[in-house]
């Protein structure tokens, strides 16, 4: 009697393991590769046939001639996909307040003549810590520093920001945004 009960249970376990653990993932991956080839491959950004980043994961830029993205809360290095997480600090937490002040000071030190208000997305991390995009206001805040570092007019950098700004999805979902990696690549090719 035990074999009568165990055999179907073991058979069902093996069949379901094969279906849900092998067949289903292969079908979904194959479908994704056909319908969404770029996204299924990680949305990699290529230059000269080599991957230089992803359109979906931020990168750390610190050179004054490039746009800087949102701060990342991941450790041990910024934009670590394995450690994706927000800081989970509340608005009154002294650590968050100190971090925001330090980020604002770094922005001011990099561009002391900038009198614009600092956009919140340049001093706070996103929920994932991997956000590849910033607001148009955050991009425009950095125009003066980049224009001076590159020896070009601020108007040309502002035009580049405007041309790379993505609108709200379907006109009403989310906020306008600018992908930092795409913007920095456009800066390099605009020379």
C-alpha atoms as a PDB file:
ATOM      1  CA  UNK A   1       0.000   0.000   0.000  1.00  0.00           C
ATOM      2  CA  UNK A   2       2.870   2.435   0.707  1.00  0.00           C
ATOM      3  CA  UNK A   3       4.247   1.986  -2.840  1.00  0.00           C
ATOM      4  CA  UNK A   4       0.783   2.755  -4.252  1.00  0.00           C
ATOM      5  CA  UNK A   5       0.818   6.111  -2.466  1.00  0.00           C
ATOM      6  CA  UNK A   6       4.498   7.019  -2.808  1.00  0.00           C
ATOM      7  CA  UNK A   7       4.911   6.185  -6.521  1.00  0.00           C
ATOM      8  CA  UNK A   8       2.276   8.669  -7.803  1.00  0.00           C
ATOM      9  CA  UNK A   9       3.562  11.343  -5.409  1.00  0.00           C
ATOM     10  CA  UNK A  10       7.163  10.925  -6.567  1.00  0.00           C
ATOM     11  CA  UNK A  11       6.057  10.803 -10.218  1.00  0.00           C
ATOM     12  CA  UNK A  12       4.012  13.989  -9.807  1.00  0.00           C
ATOM     13  CA  UNK A  13       6.947  15.675  -8.065  1.00  0.00           C
ATOM     14  CA  UNK A  14       9.302  14.788 -10.933  1.00  0.00           C
ATOM     15  CA  UNK A  15       6.827  15.814 -13.635  1.00  0.00           C
ATOM     16  CA  UNK A  16       6.029  19.136 -11.963  1.00  0.00           C
ATOM     17  CA  UNK A  17       9.715  19.810 -11.299  1.00  0.00           C
ATOM     18  CA  UNK A  18      10.475  19.238 -14.990  1.00  0.00           C
ATOM     19  CA  UNK A  19       7.530  21.371 -16.115  1.00  0.00           C
ATOM     20  CA  UNK A  20       7.947  24.294 -13.749  1.00  0.00           C
ATOM     21  CA  UNK A  21      11.703  24.142 -13.318  1.00  0.00           C
ATOM     22  CA  UNK A  22      12.845  23.420 -16.881  1.00  0.00           C
ATOM     23  CA  UNK A  23      10.127  23.583 -19.549  1.00  0.00           C
ATOM     24  CA  UNK A  24       8.323  26.736 -18.345  1.00  0.00           C
ATOM     25  CA  UNK A  25      11.517  28.831 -17.882  1.00  0.00           C
ATOM     26  CA  UNK A  26      12.797  27.762 -21.313  1.00  0.00           C
ATOM     27  CA  UNK A  27       9.489  28.656 -22.998  1.00  0.00           C
ATOM     28  CA  UNK A  28       9.281  32.047 -21.264  1.00  0.00           C
ATOM     29  CA  UNK A  29      12.939  32.827 -21.996  1.00  0.00           C
ATOM     30  CA  UNK A  30      12.503  31.825 -25.648  1.00  0.00           C
ATOM     31  CA  UNK A  31       9.359  33.967 -25.922  1.00  0.00           C
ATOM     32  CA  UNK A  32      11.158  36.919 -24.340  1.00  0.00           C
ATOM     33  CA  UNK A  33      14.144  36.548 -26.680  1.00  0.00           C
ATOM     34  CA  UNK A  34      11.811  36.702 -29.684  1.00  0.00           C
ATOM     35  CA  UNK A  35       9.390  39.423 -28.544  1.00  0.00           C
ATOM     36  CA  UNK A  36      11.753  41.557 -26.394  1.00  0.00           C
ATOM     37  CA  UNK A  37      15.296  40.735 -27.572  1.00  0.00           C
ATOM     38  CA  UNK A  38      17.052  43.755 -26.022  1.00  0.00           C
ATOM     39  CA  UNK A  39      15.336  43.494 -22.664  1.00  0.00           C
ATOM     40  CA  UNK A  40      15.819  39.718 -22.456  1.00  0.00           C
ATOM     41  CA  UNK A  41      19.544  40.226 -23.007  1.00  0.00           C
ATOM     42  CA  UNK A  42      19.792  42.684 -20.109  1.00  0.00           C
ATOM     43  CA  UNK A  43      19.218  45.903 -22.089  1.00  0.00           C
ATOM     44  CA  UNK A  44      22.964  46.121 -22.643  1.00  0.00           C
ATOM     45  CA  UNK A  45      24.396  49.304 -24.109  1.00  0.00           C
ATOM     46  CA  UNK A  46      27.155  48.503 -26.602  1.00  0.00           C
ATOM     47  CA  UNK A  47      30.027  50.610 -27.908  1.00  0.00           C
ATOM     48  CA  UNK A  48      32.401  49.264 -30.544  1.00  0.00           C
ATOM     49  CA  UNK A  49      30.880  45.801 -30.083  1.00  0.00           C
ATOM     50  CA  UNK A  50      31.588  45.732 -26.343  1.00  0.00           C
ATOM     51  CA  UNK A  51      29.073  46.107 -23.516  1.00  0.00           C
ATOM     52  CA  UNK A  52      29.643  49.288 -21.535  1.00  0.00           C
ATOM     53  CA  UNK A  53      26.577  49.220 -19.321  1.00  0.00           C
ATOM     54  CA  UNK A  54      22.869  48.576 -19.111  1.00  0.00           C
ATOM     55  CA  UNK A  55      20.009  50.924 -19.792  1.00  0.00           C
ATOM     56  CA  UNK A  56      18.298  49.495 -16.689  1.00  0.00           C
ATOM     57  CA  UNK A  57      21.055  49.702 -14.063  1.00  0.00           C
ATOM     58  CA  UNK A  58      22.762  52.934 -13.074  1.00  0.00           C
ATOM     59  CA  UNK A  59      26.495  53.475 -13.130  1.00  0.00           C
ATOM     60  CA  UNK A  60      28.734  55.606 -10.983  1.00  0.00           C
ATOM     61  CA  UNK A  61      30.043  58.735 -12.704  1.00  0.00           C
ATOM     62  CA  UNK A  62      32.237  61.164 -10.766  1.00  0.00           C
ATOM     63  CA  UNK A  63      34.118  63.048 -13.503  1.00  0.00           C
ATOM     64  CA  UNK A  64      32.905  66.693 -13.634  1.00  0.00           C
ATOM     65  CA  UNK A  65      32.472  66.474 -17.415  1.00  0.00           C
ATOM     66  CA  UNK A  66      29.712  63.848 -17.056  1.00  0.00           C
ATOM     67  CA  UNK A  67      26.216  63.825 -15.633  1.00  0.00           C
ATOM     68  CA  UNK A  68      25.974  62.161 -12.243  1.00  0.00           C
ATOM     69  CA  UNK A  69      23.098  59.840 -11.406  1.00  0.00           C
ATOM     70  CA  UNK A  70      21.197  59.259  -8.216  1.00  0.00           C
ATOM     71  CA  UNK A  71      23.228  58.145  -5.240  1.00  0.00           C
ATOM     72  CA  UNK A  72      23.152  54.383  -4.757  1.00  0.00           C
ATOM     73  CA  UNK A  73      22.451  52.747  -1.404  1.00  0.00           C
ATOM     74  CA  UNK A  74      24.021  49.425  -2.433  1.00  0.00           C
ATOM     75  CA  UNK A  75      27.212  48.086  -0.891  1.00  0.00           C
ATOM     76  CA  UNK A  76      30.114  47.431  -1.058  1.00  0.00           C
ATOM     77  CA  UNK A  77      30.153  49.503  -4.267  1.00  0.00           C
ATOM     78  CA  UNK A  78      27.490  51.742  -5.843  1.00  0.00           C
ATOM     79  CA  UNK A  79      24.986  50.197  -8.272  1.00  0.00           C
ATOM     80  CA  UNK A  80      25.741  46.656  -7.104  1.00  0.00           C
ATOM     81  CA  UNK A  81      22.951  44.571  -8.627  1.00  0.00           C
ATOM     82  CA  UNK A  82      23.539  41.746  -6.176  1.00  0.00           C
ATOM     83  CA  UNK A  83      22.893  44.054  -3.213  1.00  0.00           C
ATOM     84  CA  UNK A  84      19.910  45.940  -4.629  1.00  0.00           C
ATOM     85  CA  UNK A  85      18.055  47.624  -1.796  1.00  0.00           C
ATOM     86  CA  UNK A  86      17.100  51.022  -0.528  1.00  0.00           C
ATOM     87  CA  UNK A  87      18.534  52.426   2.643  1.00  0.00           C
ATOM     88  CA  UNK A  88      15.202  51.938   4.495  1.00  0.00           C
ATOM     89  CA  UNK A  89      15.945  55.020   6.574  1.00  0.00           C
ATOM     90  CA  UNK A  90      13.022  57.173   7.648  1.00  0.00           C
ATOM     91  CA  UNK A  91      12.885  60.915   6.950  1.00  0.00           C
ATOM     92  CA  UNK A  92      13.879  61.789  10.523  1.00  0.00           C
ATOM     93  CA  UNK A  93      16.727  59.293  10.740  1.00  0.00           C
ATOM     94  CA  UNK A  94      19.995  61.142  11.497  1.00  0.00           C
ATOM     95  CA  UNK A  95      21.947  58.868   9.137  1.00  0.00           C
ATOM     96  CA  UNK A  96      19.672  59.784   6.218  1.00  0.00           C
ATOM     97  CA  UNK A  97      19.857  63.474   7.098  1.00  0.00           C
ATOM     98  CA  UNK A  98      23.666  63.317   7.270  1.00  0.00           C
ATOM     99  CA  UNK A  99      23.828  61.426   3.956  1.00  0.00           C
ATOM    100  CA  UNK A 100      21.604  63.978   2.207  1.00  0.00           C
ATOM    101  CA  UNK A 101      23.688  66.853   3.621  1.00  0.00           C
ATOM    102  CA  UNK A 102      26.923  65.152   2.482  1.00  0.00           C
ATOM    103  CA  UNK A 103      25.512  64.582  -1.012  1.00  0.00           C
ATOM    104  CA  UNK A 104      24.344  68.204  -1.241  1.00  0.00           C
ATOM    105  CA  UNK A 105      27.776  69.411  -0.073  1.00  0.00           C
ATOM    106  CA  UNK A 106      29.515  67.263  -2.716  1.00  0.00           C
ATOM    107  CA  UNK A 107      27.296  68.799  -5.402  1.00  0.00           C
ATOM    108  CA  UNK A 108      28.002  72.312  -4.105  1.00  0.00           C
ATOM    109  CA  UNK A 109      31.755  71.634  -3.888  1.00  0.00           C
ATOM    110  CA  UNK A 110      31.766  70.407  -7.496  1.00  0.00           C
ATOM    111  CA  UNK A 111      29.912  73.522  -8.701  1.00  0.00           C
ATOM    112  CA  UNK A 112      30.153  76.303  -6.064  1.00  0.00           C
ATOM    113  CA  UNK A 113      28.588  78.980  -8.295  1.00  0.00           C
ATOM    114  CA  UNK A 114      25.406  76.963  -8.884  1.00  0.00           C
ATOM    115  CA  UNK A 115      22.518  78.720  -7.116  1.00  0.00           C
ATOM    116  CA  UNK A 116      19.708  76.445  -8.326  1.00  0.00           C
ATOM    117  CA  UNK A 117      17.864  74.393  -5.725  1.00  0.00           C
ATOM    118  CA  UNK A 118      19.294  70.866  -5.523  1.00  0.00           C
ATOM    119  CA  UNK A 119      16.801  68.329  -6.922  1.00  0.00           C
ATOM    120  CA  UNK A 120      15.924  65.626  -4.416  1.00  0.00           C
ATOM    121  CA  UNK A 121      16.960  62.804  -6.746  1.00  0.00           C
ATOM    122  CA  UNK A 122      20.582  64.005  -6.671  1.00  0.00           C
ATOM    123  CA  UNK A 123      20.830  63.626  -2.900  1.00  0.00           C
ATOM    124  CA  UNK A 124      18.654  60.565  -2.146  1.00  0.00           C
ATOM    125  CA  UNK A 125      18.900  56.963  -3.330  1.00  0.00           C
ATOM    126  CA  UNK A 126      16.061  55.215  -5.121  1.00  0.00           C
ATOM    127  CA  UNK A 127      14.226  52.243  -3.604  1.00  0.00           C
ATOM    128  CA  UNK A 128      16.390  49.763  -5.517  1.00  0.00           C
ATOM    129  CA  UNK A 129      19.631  51.715  -5.297  1.00  0.00           C
ATOM    130  CA  UNK A 130      20.115  50.997  -9.023  1.00  0.00           C
ATOM    131  CA  UNK A 131      18.114  53.760 -10.717  1.00  0.00           C
ATOM    132  CA  UNK A 132      19.667  54.595 -14.117  1.00  0.00           C
ATOM    133  CA  UNK A 133      17.597  57.726 -14.620  1.00  0.00           C
ATOM    134  CA  UNK A 134      17.332  61.214 -13.164  1.00  0.00           C
ATOM    135  CA  UNK A 135      14.742  63.936 -13.508  1.00  0.00           C
ATOM    136  CA  UNK A 136      15.203  66.625 -16.157  1.00  0.00           C
ATOM    137  CA  UNK A 137      15.635  69.084 -13.241  1.00  0.00           C
ATOM    138  CA  UNK A 138      18.529  66.994 -11.905  1.00  0.00           C
ATOM    139  CA  UNK A 139      20.140  66.967 -15.348  1.00  0.00           C
ATOM    140  CA  UNK A 140      19.666  70.716 -15.799  1.00  0.00           C
ATOM    141  CA  UNK A 141      21.141  71.348 -12.343  1.00  0.00           C
ATOM    142  CA  UNK A 142      24.445  69.885 -13.618  1.00  0.00           C
ATOM    143  CA  UNK A 143      24.616  71.793 -16.931  1.00  0.00           C
ATOM    144  CA  UNK A 144      26.928  74.591 -15.729  1.00  0.00           C
ATOM    145  CA  UNK A 145      29.537  72.229 -14.280  1.00  0.00           C
ATOM    146  CA  UNK A 146      29.578  70.056 -17.406  1.00  0.00           C
ATOM    147  CA  UNK A 147      29.679  73.008 -19.802  1.00  0.00           C
ATOM    148  CA  UNK A 148      32.701  74.487 -17.983  1.00  0.00           C
ATOM    149  CA  UNK A 149      34.493  71.119 -17.818  1.00  0.00           C
ATOM    150  CA  UNK A 150      33.958  70.520 -21.522  1.00  0.00           C
ATOM    151  CA  UNK A 151      34.468  74.097 -22.688  1.00  0.00           C
ATOM    152  CA  UNK A 152      31.097  74.306 -24.437  1.00  0.00           C
ATOM    153  CA  UNK A 153      28.062  76.551 -24.057  1.00  0.00           C
ATOM    154  CA  UNK A 154      25.451  75.673 -21.439  1.00  0.00           C
ATOM    155  CA  UNK A 155      22.784  76.046 -24.140  1.00  0.00           C
ATOM    156  CA  UNK A 156      24.250  73.127 -26.097  1.00  0.00           C
ATOM    157  CA  UNK A 157      24.175  70.902 -22.997  1.00  0.00           C
ATOM    158  CA  UNK A 158      20.611  72.011 -22.206  1.00  0.00           C
ATOM    159  CA  UNK A 159      19.573  71.125 -25.764  1.00  0.00           C
ATOM    160  CA  UNK A 160      21.144  67.693 -25.334  1.00  0.00           C
ATOM    161  CA  UNK A 161      19.196  67.164 -22.101  1.00  0.00           C
ATOM    162  CA  UNK A 162      15.975  68.206 -23.834  1.00  0.00           C
ATOM    163  CA  UNK A 163      16.610  65.812 -26.727  1.00  0.00           C
ATOM    164  CA  UNK A 164      17.260  62.886 -24.354  1.00  0.00           C
ATOM    165  CA  UNK A 165      14.331  63.505 -21.992  1.00  0.00           C
ATOM    166  CA  UNK A 166      11.786  60.690 -22.087  1.00  0.00           C
ATOM    167  CA  UNK A 167       8.151  61.711 -21.544  1.00  0.00           C
ATOM    168  CA  UNK A 168       5.658  60.085 -19.202  1.00  0.00           C
ATOM    169  CA  UNK A 169       4.659  56.578 -20.281  1.00  0.00           C
ATOM    170  CA  UNK A 170       1.434  56.822 -22.294  1.00  0.00           C
ATOM    171  CA  UNK A 171       1.369  60.517 -21.416  1.00  0.00           C
ATOM    172  CA  UNK A 172       0.275  60.075 -17.795  1.00  0.00           C
ATOM    173  CA  UNK A 173       2.244  57.294 -16.064  1.00  0.00           C
ATOM    174  CA  UNK A 174       5.365  58.263 -14.119  1.00  0.00           C
ATOM    175  CA  UNK A 175       7.459  61.374 -14.577  1.00  0.00           C
ATOM    176  CA  UNK A 176       9.698  62.673 -17.376  1.00  0.00           C
ATOM    177  CA  UNK A 177      13.186  61.210 -17.009  1.00  0.00           C
ATOM    178  CA  UNK A 178      16.662  61.128 -18.519  1.00  0.00           C
ATOM    179  CA  UNK A 179      18.850  58.009 -18.722  1.00  0.00           C
ATOM    180  CA  UNK A 180      22.254  59.056 -17.351  1.00  0.00           C
ATOM    181  CA  UNK A 181      24.331  56.568 -19.367  1.00  0.00           C
ATOM    182  CA  UNK A 182      22.597  57.504 -22.632  1.00  0.00           C
ATOM    183  CA  UNK A 183      23.053  61.191 -21.844  1.00  0.00           C
ATOM    184  CA  UNK A 184      26.761  60.751 -21.099  1.00  0.00           C
ATOM    185  CA  UNK A 185      27.282  58.747 -24.287  1.00  0.00           C
ATOM    186  CA  UNK A 186      25.544  61.543 -26.212  1.00  0.00           C
ATOM    187  CA  UNK A 187      27.904  64.035 -24.571  1.00  0.00           C
ATOM    188  CA  UNK A 188      30.906  62.078 -25.804  1.00  0.00           C
ATOM    189  CA  UNK A 189      29.581  61.774 -29.356  1.00  0.00           C
ATOM    190  CA  UNK A 190      28.508  65.440 -29.514  1.00  0.00           C
ATOM    191  CA  UNK A 191      32.130  66.619 -29.491  1.00  0.00           C
END
